Amino acid sequence: MNALAIRPRAAPALPFGLRADLVLLDQVLVRLDHGHAADRDVDADIYEALGWEVIRAPYPLRRMGWRCRSPIAMGWEPLPNPTADMNAAARLRPDGWDYGFRSASGKATAWCADPRRATRFAEQNRLTPARALTCAALHARRMIALGG
C-alpha cells in the first residue's frame, strides 16, 4: 500500500463538544508548530480545546495517570497521546474524513481530507507522522468550528 493511500478507519472519530474553544485551539496549533517531541500538556490542551474535561496529574501523582472525559461520557478514561501515537492522532480527525501519512528523510507529512468536498489539510516538516496528523486534524476541526 502506498504511504499516502487512504487508510482504513482504525477507530471511529471521537465525540467532541458542541463548540470548540477556538482561542485555545489556536494556541495548541502554535505550540505544535514550535514543539518537536511528544508532550502530555499539549495532549491535555488539545482535548480541552475540543470540549473535553481533563485531569492533569501533578508531578508526585503521575503514576495515577492523566484522565479525560468527553462531554457525553459518564466515566473517565486515560488521556490519549496524539502527539506520539498515530492511532490517537487519527481519532482526532472529523468523523468521516480520510487521512494518510508518510515519513521520508527525517520529515513527516500527513493529511486529513473530507471525501464529500474538496477540502484537504496537509501538514509537512514535522518530526513525527503523529504530530503532523494531529496538526492536520486540528486544522480540519478548526475549519468546521468556524462554519466551513
N, C-alpha and C. Protein backbone atom coordinates (compact mmCIF):
# COMPACT_ATOMS: atom_id res chain seq x y z
N MET A 1 0.85 -1.17 0.00
CA MET A 1 0.00 0.00 0.00
C MET A 1 0.90 1.23 0.00
N ASN A 2 0.57 2.20 -0.80
CA ASN A 2 1.30 3.44 -0.86
C ASN A 2 1.19 4.16 0.49
N ALA A 3 2.25 4.85 0.88
CA ALA A 3 2.25 5.53 2.18
C ALA A 3 1.18 6.62 2.26
N LEU A 4 0.80 7.20 1.12
CA LEU A 4 -0.23 8.24 1.14
C LEU A 4 -1.61 7.71 0.77
N ALA A 5 -1.74 6.40 0.67
CA ALA A 5 -3.03 5.81 0.33
C ALA A 5 -4.01 6.03 1.47
N ILE A 6 -5.27 5.98 1.15
CA ILE A 6 -6.31 6.13 2.15
C ILE A 6 -6.23 4.96 3.12
N ARG A 7 -6.19 5.27 4.37
CA ARG A 7 -6.10 4.25 5.40
C ARG A 7 -7.50 3.82 5.83
N PRO A 8 -7.70 2.53 6.09
CA PRO A 8 -8.99 2.14 6.66
C PRO A 8 -9.12 2.73 8.05
N ARG A 9 -10.30 2.97 8.45
CA ARG A 9 -10.52 3.56 9.77
C ARG A 9 -10.05 2.60 10.86
N ALA A 10 -9.09 3.05 11.63
CA ALA A 10 -8.58 2.24 12.73
C ALA A 10 -9.55 2.31 13.91
N ALA A 11 -10.13 3.47 14.12
CA ALA A 11 -11.06 3.67 15.22
C ALA A 11 -12.00 4.80 14.81
N PRO A 12 -13.21 4.79 15.32
CA PRO A 12 -14.12 5.88 14.98
C PRO A 12 -13.62 7.20 15.55
N ALA A 13 -14.00 8.29 14.92
CA ALA A 13 -13.63 9.60 15.43
C ALA A 13 -14.28 9.80 16.79
N LEU A 14 -13.61 10.57 17.63
CA LEU A 14 -14.10 10.79 18.98
C LEU A 14 -15.22 11.82 18.99
N PRO A 15 -16.17 11.67 19.91
CA PRO A 15 -17.20 12.71 20.04
C PRO A 15 -16.58 13.94 20.70
N PHE A 16 -16.93 15.10 20.24
CA PHE A 16 -16.41 16.32 20.82
C PHE A 16 -17.55 17.20 21.24
N GLY A 17 -17.23 18.23 22.01
CA GLY A 17 -18.24 19.15 22.49
C GLY A 17 -18.94 19.85 21.33
N LEU A 18 -20.03 20.48 21.64
CA LEU A 18 -20.78 21.17 20.61
C LEU A 18 -19.99 22.35 20.05
N ARG A 19 -19.08 22.87 20.85
CA ARG A 19 -18.35 24.04 20.40
C ARG A 19 -16.90 23.95 20.88
N ALA A 20 -15.99 24.06 19.95
CA ALA A 20 -14.57 24.06 20.29
C ALA A 20 -14.18 25.45 20.79
N ASP A 21 -13.20 25.50 21.68
CA ASP A 21 -12.64 26.75 22.16
C ASP A 21 -11.59 27.18 21.14
N LEU A 22 -11.95 28.10 20.24
CA LEU A 22 -11.07 28.47 19.13
C LEU A 22 -9.79 29.15 19.59
N VAL A 23 -9.86 29.92 20.67
CA VAL A 23 -8.65 30.59 21.17
C VAL A 23 -7.66 29.54 21.66
N LEU A 24 -8.14 28.59 22.45
CA LEU A 24 -7.27 27.54 22.96
C LEU A 24 -6.79 26.64 21.82
N LEU A 25 -7.64 26.38 20.85
CA LEU A 25 -7.25 25.57 19.69
C LEU A 25 -6.13 26.25 18.90
N ASP A 26 -6.23 27.56 18.70
CA ASP A 26 -5.16 28.30 18.02
C ASP A 26 -3.86 28.24 18.82
N GLN A 27 -3.96 28.36 20.14
CA GLN A 27 -2.76 28.27 20.97
C GLN A 27 -2.11 26.89 20.88
N VAL A 28 -2.94 25.85 20.83
CA VAL A 28 -2.41 24.50 20.71
C VAL A 28 -1.70 24.33 19.36
N LEU A 29 -2.29 24.86 18.30
CA LEU A 29 -1.66 24.75 16.98
C LEU A 29 -0.31 25.46 16.94
N VAL A 30 -0.21 26.59 17.63
CA VAL A 30 1.07 27.30 17.70
C VAL A 30 2.08 26.46 18.48
N ARG A 31 1.65 25.88 19.60
CA ARG A 31 2.55 25.03 20.39
C ARG A 31 3.00 23.81 19.59
N LEU A 32 2.12 23.25 18.79
CA LEU A 32 2.51 22.11 17.95
C LEU A 32 3.51 22.53 16.87
N ASP A 33 3.39 23.75 16.37
CA ASP A 33 4.34 24.25 15.37
C ASP A 33 5.74 24.41 15.95
N HIS A 34 5.82 24.80 17.23
CA HIS A 34 7.12 25.10 17.82
C HIS A 34 7.72 23.93 18.59
N GLY A 35 6.93 22.96 18.94
CA GLY A 35 7.45 21.81 19.68
C GLY A 35 7.89 20.70 18.75
N HIS A 36 8.67 19.79 19.30
CA HIS A 36 9.18 18.70 18.47
C HIS A 36 8.93 17.32 19.05
N ALA A 37 8.75 17.23 20.34
CA ALA A 37 8.60 15.92 20.98
C ALA A 37 7.17 15.76 21.49
N ALA A 38 6.86 14.53 21.87
CA ALA A 38 5.56 14.27 22.48
C ALA A 38 5.46 15.06 23.78
N ASP A 39 4.28 15.59 24.06
CA ASP A 39 4.10 16.47 25.22
C ASP A 39 2.71 16.24 25.81
N ARG A 40 2.67 15.74 27.05
CA ARG A 40 1.38 15.46 27.69
C ARG A 40 0.57 16.72 27.95
N ASP A 41 1.23 17.84 28.25
CA ASP A 41 0.49 19.08 28.45
C ASP A 41 -0.20 19.52 27.16
N VAL A 42 0.46 19.35 26.02
CA VAL A 42 -0.17 19.68 24.74
C VAL A 42 -1.33 18.73 24.48
N ASP A 43 -1.14 17.44 24.79
CA ASP A 43 -2.24 16.48 24.63
C ASP A 43 -3.46 16.91 25.44
N ALA A 44 -3.23 17.32 26.69
CA ALA A 44 -4.33 17.77 27.54
C ALA A 44 -4.98 19.02 26.96
N ASP A 45 -4.17 19.96 26.47
CA ASP A 45 -4.72 21.18 25.88
C ASP A 45 -5.57 20.88 24.65
N ILE A 46 -5.15 19.90 23.85
CA ILE A 46 -5.92 19.52 22.66
C ILE A 46 -7.33 19.11 23.06
N TYR A 47 -7.43 18.22 24.04
CA TYR A 47 -8.75 17.72 24.43
C TYR A 47 -9.58 18.80 25.13
N GLU A 48 -8.94 19.67 25.89
CA GLU A 48 -9.69 20.78 26.50
C GLU A 48 -10.22 21.72 25.43
N ALA A 49 -9.42 22.00 24.40
CA ALA A 49 -9.86 22.88 23.32
C ALA A 49 -11.04 22.29 22.56
N LEU A 50 -11.13 20.96 22.55
CA LEU A 50 -12.22 20.30 21.81
C LEU A 50 -13.42 19.97 22.70
N GLY A 51 -13.45 20.53 23.91
CA GLY A 51 -14.64 20.42 24.75
C GLY A 51 -14.62 19.30 25.77
N TRP A 52 -13.50 18.63 25.96
CA TRP A 52 -13.41 17.55 26.94
C TRP A 52 -12.97 18.10 28.29
N GLU A 53 -13.30 17.36 29.35
CA GLU A 53 -12.75 17.65 30.67
C GLU A 53 -11.46 16.86 30.81
N VAL A 54 -10.44 17.48 31.41
CA VAL A 54 -9.14 16.83 31.54
C VAL A 54 -8.65 16.98 32.97
N ILE A 55 -8.11 15.89 33.52
CA ILE A 55 -7.43 15.93 34.80
C ILE A 55 -5.95 15.76 34.52
N ARG A 56 -5.18 16.79 34.89
CA ARG A 56 -3.73 16.73 34.71
C ARG A 56 -3.12 16.22 36.01
N ALA A 57 -2.35 15.17 35.91
CA ALA A 57 -1.75 14.59 37.11
C ALA A 57 -0.55 15.43 37.53
N PRO A 58 -0.56 15.97 38.77
CA PRO A 58 0.61 16.71 39.24
C PRO A 58 1.81 15.78 39.37
N TYR A 59 2.99 16.35 39.42
CA TYR A 59 4.22 15.56 39.36
C TYR A 59 4.25 14.37 40.33
N PRO A 60 3.96 14.53 41.62
CA PRO A 60 4.05 13.35 42.50
C PRO A 60 3.00 12.28 42.19
N LEU A 61 1.91 12.66 41.51
CA LEU A 61 0.83 11.71 41.28
C LEU A 61 0.80 11.19 39.84
N ARG A 62 1.85 11.39 39.07
CA ARG A 62 1.83 10.98 37.66
C ARG A 62 1.60 9.49 37.48
N ARG A 63 1.90 8.70 38.48
CA ARG A 63 1.65 7.26 38.37
C ARG A 63 0.16 6.97 38.24
N MET A 64 -0.67 7.86 38.76
CA MET A 64 -2.12 7.67 38.67
C MET A 64 -2.62 7.94 37.27
N GLY A 65 -1.87 8.66 36.50
CA GLY A 65 -2.22 8.88 35.10
C GLY A 65 -3.05 10.11 34.85
N TRP A 66 -3.01 10.53 33.61
CA TRP A 66 -3.79 11.65 33.12
C TRP A 66 -5.13 11.09 32.66
N ARG A 67 -6.21 11.82 32.94
CA ARG A 67 -7.55 11.35 32.62
C ARG A 67 -8.32 12.39 31.83
N CYS A 68 -9.30 11.91 31.05
CA CYS A 68 -10.17 12.82 30.30
C CYS A 68 -11.56 12.21 30.23
N ARG A 69 -12.54 13.09 29.93
CA ARG A 69 -13.92 12.65 29.80
C ARG A 69 -14.59 13.49 28.72
N SER A 70 -15.23 12.80 27.78
CA SER A 70 -15.93 13.53 26.71
C SER A 70 -17.19 14.17 27.27
N PRO A 71 -17.74 15.14 26.58
CA PRO A 71 -18.96 15.81 27.07
C PRO A 71 -20.16 14.87 27.20
N ILE A 72 -20.14 13.73 26.48
CA ILE A 72 -21.29 12.82 26.55
C ILE A 72 -21.01 11.57 27.36
N ALA A 73 -19.83 11.48 27.98
CA ALA A 73 -19.47 10.27 28.74
C ALA A 73 -19.72 10.47 30.22
N MET A 74 -19.97 9.37 30.89
CA MET A 74 -20.16 9.41 32.34
C MET A 74 -18.84 9.16 33.07
N GLY A 75 -17.99 8.31 32.50
CA GLY A 75 -16.77 7.94 33.20
C GLY A 75 -15.53 8.56 32.58
N TRP A 76 -14.44 8.45 33.34
CA TRP A 76 -13.16 8.97 32.91
C TRP A 76 -12.37 7.87 32.20
N GLU A 77 -11.52 8.26 31.27
CA GLU A 77 -10.67 7.31 30.56
C GLU A 77 -9.26 7.87 30.52
N PRO A 78 -8.26 7.03 30.25
CA PRO A 78 -6.89 7.55 30.14
C PRO A 78 -6.79 8.56 29.00
N LEU A 79 -6.02 9.61 29.22
CA LEU A 79 -5.84 10.64 28.21
C LEU A 79 -5.02 10.08 27.05
N PRO A 80 -5.56 10.09 25.83
CA PRO A 80 -4.78 9.63 24.68
C PRO A 80 -3.57 10.54 24.44
N ASN A 81 -2.64 10.04 23.66
CA ASN A 81 -1.39 10.75 23.41
C ASN A 81 -1.23 11.02 21.91
N PRO A 82 -2.02 11.96 21.34
CA PRO A 82 -1.96 12.16 19.88
C PRO A 82 -0.65 12.75 19.37
N THR A 83 0.15 13.36 20.24
CA THR A 83 1.44 13.89 19.77
C THR A 83 2.49 12.80 19.62
N ALA A 84 2.17 11.58 20.08
CA ALA A 84 3.13 10.48 19.97
C ALA A 84 2.55 9.23 19.31
N ASP A 85 1.23 9.07 19.31
CA ASP A 85 0.60 7.84 18.85
C ASP A 85 -0.27 8.11 17.62
N MET A 86 0.00 7.39 16.52
CA MET A 86 -0.75 7.60 15.28
C MET A 86 -2.24 7.28 15.43
N ASN A 87 -2.58 6.23 16.17
CA ASN A 87 -3.99 5.89 16.34
C ASN A 87 -4.75 6.99 17.08
N ALA A 88 -4.12 7.55 18.11
CA ALA A 88 -4.76 8.65 18.85
C ALA A 88 -4.88 9.88 17.97
N ALA A 89 -3.87 10.14 17.15
CA ALA A 89 -3.92 11.29 16.24
C ALA A 89 -5.02 11.09 15.18
N ALA A 90 -5.16 9.87 14.68
CA ALA A 90 -6.18 9.58 13.66
C ALA A 90 -7.58 9.75 14.24
N ARG A 91 -7.76 9.50 15.51
CA ARG A 91 -9.08 9.65 16.13
C ARG A 91 -9.48 11.11 16.30
N LEU A 92 -8.53 12.04 16.14
CA LEU A 92 -8.86 13.46 16.25
C LEU A 92 -9.52 14.01 15.00
N ARG A 93 -9.37 13.32 13.88
CA ARG A 93 -9.93 13.85 12.63
C ARG A 93 -11.46 13.87 12.71
N PRO A 94 -12.07 14.77 11.96
CA PRO A 94 -13.54 14.80 11.95
C PRO A 94 -14.12 13.48 11.45
N ASP A 95 -15.29 13.13 11.92
CA ASP A 95 -15.92 11.87 11.55
C ASP A 95 -16.15 11.81 10.05
N GLY A 96 -15.75 10.71 9.44
CA GLY A 96 -15.94 10.50 8.02
C GLY A 96 -14.80 10.99 7.15
N TRP A 97 -13.84 11.68 7.72
CA TRP A 97 -12.72 12.19 6.94
C TRP A 97 -11.66 11.10 6.78
N ASP A 98 -10.96 11.15 5.64
CA ASP A 98 -9.86 10.22 5.38
C ASP A 98 -8.55 10.84 5.85
N TYR A 99 -7.54 10.00 5.98
CA TYR A 99 -6.23 10.51 6.37
C TYR A 99 -5.13 9.63 5.81
N GLY A 100 -3.94 10.15 5.81
CA GLY A 100 -2.77 9.41 5.37
C GLY A 100 -1.52 10.10 5.87
N PHE A 101 -0.39 9.40 5.75
CA PHE A 101 0.86 9.97 6.24
C PHE A 101 2.03 9.26 5.58
N ARG A 102 3.17 9.89 5.64
CA ARG A 102 4.42 9.28 5.20
C ARG A 102 5.57 9.98 5.90
N SER A 103 6.70 9.33 5.92
CA SER A 103 7.89 9.90 6.53
C SER A 103 9.06 9.61 5.60
N ALA A 104 9.81 10.65 5.26
CA ALA A 104 10.96 10.49 4.38
C ALA A 104 12.04 11.49 4.79
N SER A 105 13.26 11.05 4.82
CA SER A 105 14.42 11.91 5.14
C SER A 105 14.25 12.63 6.47
N GLY A 106 13.65 11.97 7.43
CA GLY A 106 13.50 12.56 8.75
C GLY A 106 12.40 13.59 8.88
N LYS A 107 11.60 13.79 7.83
CA LYS A 107 10.49 14.73 7.89
C LYS A 107 9.19 13.99 7.59
N ALA A 108 8.18 14.34 8.34
CA ALA A 108 6.89 13.67 8.20
C ALA A 108 5.89 14.57 7.49
N THR A 109 5.01 13.94 6.75
CA THR A 109 3.90 14.63 6.10
C THR A 109 2.64 13.84 6.41
N ALA A 110 1.57 14.54 6.73
CA ALA A 110 0.28 13.89 6.98
C ALA A 110 -0.81 14.77 6.39
N TRP A 111 -1.93 14.15 6.06
CA TRP A 111 -3.07 14.89 5.53
C TRP A 111 -4.36 14.34 6.09
N CYS A 112 -5.36 15.19 6.05
CA CYS A 112 -6.71 14.86 6.52
C CYS A 112 -7.65 15.48 5.49
N ALA A 113 -8.54 14.68 4.89
CA ALA A 113 -9.37 15.18 3.79
C ALA A 113 -10.83 14.76 3.95
N ASP A 114 -11.71 15.68 3.56
CA ASP A 114 -13.15 15.40 3.54
C ASP A 114 -13.49 14.79 2.19
N PRO A 115 -13.94 13.53 2.13
CA PRO A 115 -14.22 12.89 0.84
C PRO A 115 -15.45 13.46 0.13
N ARG A 116 -16.30 14.18 0.86
CA ARG A 116 -17.51 14.74 0.24
C ARG A 116 -17.28 16.09 -0.41
N ARG A 117 -16.16 16.74 -0.06
CA ARG A 117 -15.84 18.05 -0.62
C ARG A 117 -14.35 18.09 -0.94
N ALA A 118 -13.96 19.10 -1.65
CA ALA A 118 -12.54 19.25 -1.99
C ALA A 118 -11.80 19.98 -0.88
N THR A 119 -11.91 19.46 0.33
CA THR A 119 -11.27 20.07 1.49
C THR A 119 -10.17 19.14 1.96
N ARG A 120 -8.96 19.66 2.03
CA ARG A 120 -7.84 18.84 2.45
C ARG A 120 -6.85 19.69 3.24
N PHE A 121 -6.40 19.16 4.36
CA PHE A 121 -5.40 19.82 5.18
C PHE A 121 -4.17 18.95 5.23
N ALA A 122 -3.05 19.50 4.85
CA ALA A 122 -1.79 18.75 4.86
C ALA A 122 -0.80 19.48 5.76
N GLU A 123 -0.04 18.72 6.50
CA GLU A 123 1.00 19.27 7.36
C GLU A 123 2.31 18.61 7.00
N GLN A 124 3.35 19.40 6.87
CA GLN A 124 4.66 18.87 6.48
C GLN A 124 5.72 19.32 7.48
N ASN A 125 6.88 18.71 7.31
CA ASN A 125 8.07 19.09 8.06
C ASN A 125 7.93 18.95 9.57
N ARG A 126 7.21 17.98 9.99
CA ARG A 126 7.16 17.63 11.41
C ARG A 126 8.14 16.49 11.63
N LEU A 127 8.52 16.28 12.87
CA LEU A 127 9.46 15.21 13.14
C LEU A 127 8.80 13.85 13.18
N THR A 128 7.51 13.80 13.49
CA THR A 128 6.83 12.52 13.55
C THR A 128 5.52 12.58 12.77
N PRO A 129 5.11 11.47 12.15
CA PRO A 129 3.81 11.45 11.47
C PRO A 129 2.65 11.72 12.43
N ALA A 130 2.75 11.28 13.68
CA ALA A 130 1.66 11.50 14.63
C ALA A 130 1.45 12.99 14.88
N ARG A 131 2.53 13.71 15.04
CA ARG A 131 2.43 15.16 15.28
C ARG A 131 1.87 15.87 14.04
N ALA A 132 2.30 15.46 12.85
CA ALA A 132 1.80 16.05 11.62
C ALA A 132 0.31 15.79 11.44
N LEU A 133 -0.13 14.54 11.72
CA LEU A 133 -1.55 14.21 11.58
C LEU A 133 -2.38 14.93 12.64
N THR A 134 -1.85 15.10 13.83
CA THR A 134 -2.55 15.86 14.87
C THR A 134 -2.79 17.28 14.39
N CYS A 135 -1.78 17.93 13.81
CA CYS A 135 -1.94 19.29 13.29
C CYS A 135 -2.99 19.35 12.18
N ALA A 136 -2.93 18.41 11.23
CA ALA A 136 -3.88 18.39 10.13
C ALA A 136 -5.31 18.21 10.64
N ALA A 137 -5.50 17.29 11.58
CA ALA A 137 -6.84 17.04 12.13
C ALA A 137 -7.37 18.25 12.90
N LEU A 138 -6.50 18.92 13.64
CA LEU A 138 -6.95 20.10 14.38
C LEU A 138 -7.28 21.26 13.44
N HIS A 139 -6.54 21.40 12.36
CA HIS A 139 -6.89 22.43 11.37
C HIS A 139 -8.26 22.12 10.75
N ALA A 140 -8.53 20.86 10.50
CA ALA A 140 -9.84 20.47 9.96
C ALA A 140 -10.94 20.78 10.96
N ARG A 141 -10.75 20.45 12.22
CA ARG A 141 -11.75 20.74 13.25
C ARG A 141 -11.94 22.25 13.42
N ARG A 142 -10.86 23.00 13.29
CA ARG A 142 -10.96 24.46 13.39
C ARG A 142 -11.83 25.01 12.27
N MET A 143 -11.62 24.50 11.05
CA MET A 143 -12.42 24.95 9.91
C MET A 143 -13.92 24.64 10.15
N ILE A 144 -14.20 23.47 10.67
CA ILE A 144 -15.59 23.09 10.94
C ILE A 144 -16.19 23.99 12.00
N ALA A 145 -15.40 24.30 13.07
CA ALA A 145 -15.90 25.16 14.13
C ALA A 145 -16.17 26.58 13.64
N LEU A 146 -15.42 27.00 12.62
CA LEU A 146 -15.62 28.34 12.06
C LEU A 146 -16.77 28.37 11.05
N GLY A 147 -17.39 27.21 10.83
CA GLY A 147 -18.54 27.14 9.95
C GLY A 147 -18.21 26.81 8.51
N GLY A 148 -17.00 26.27 8.28
CA GLY A 148 -16.59 25.96 6.91
C GLY A 148 -17.00 24.60 6.44
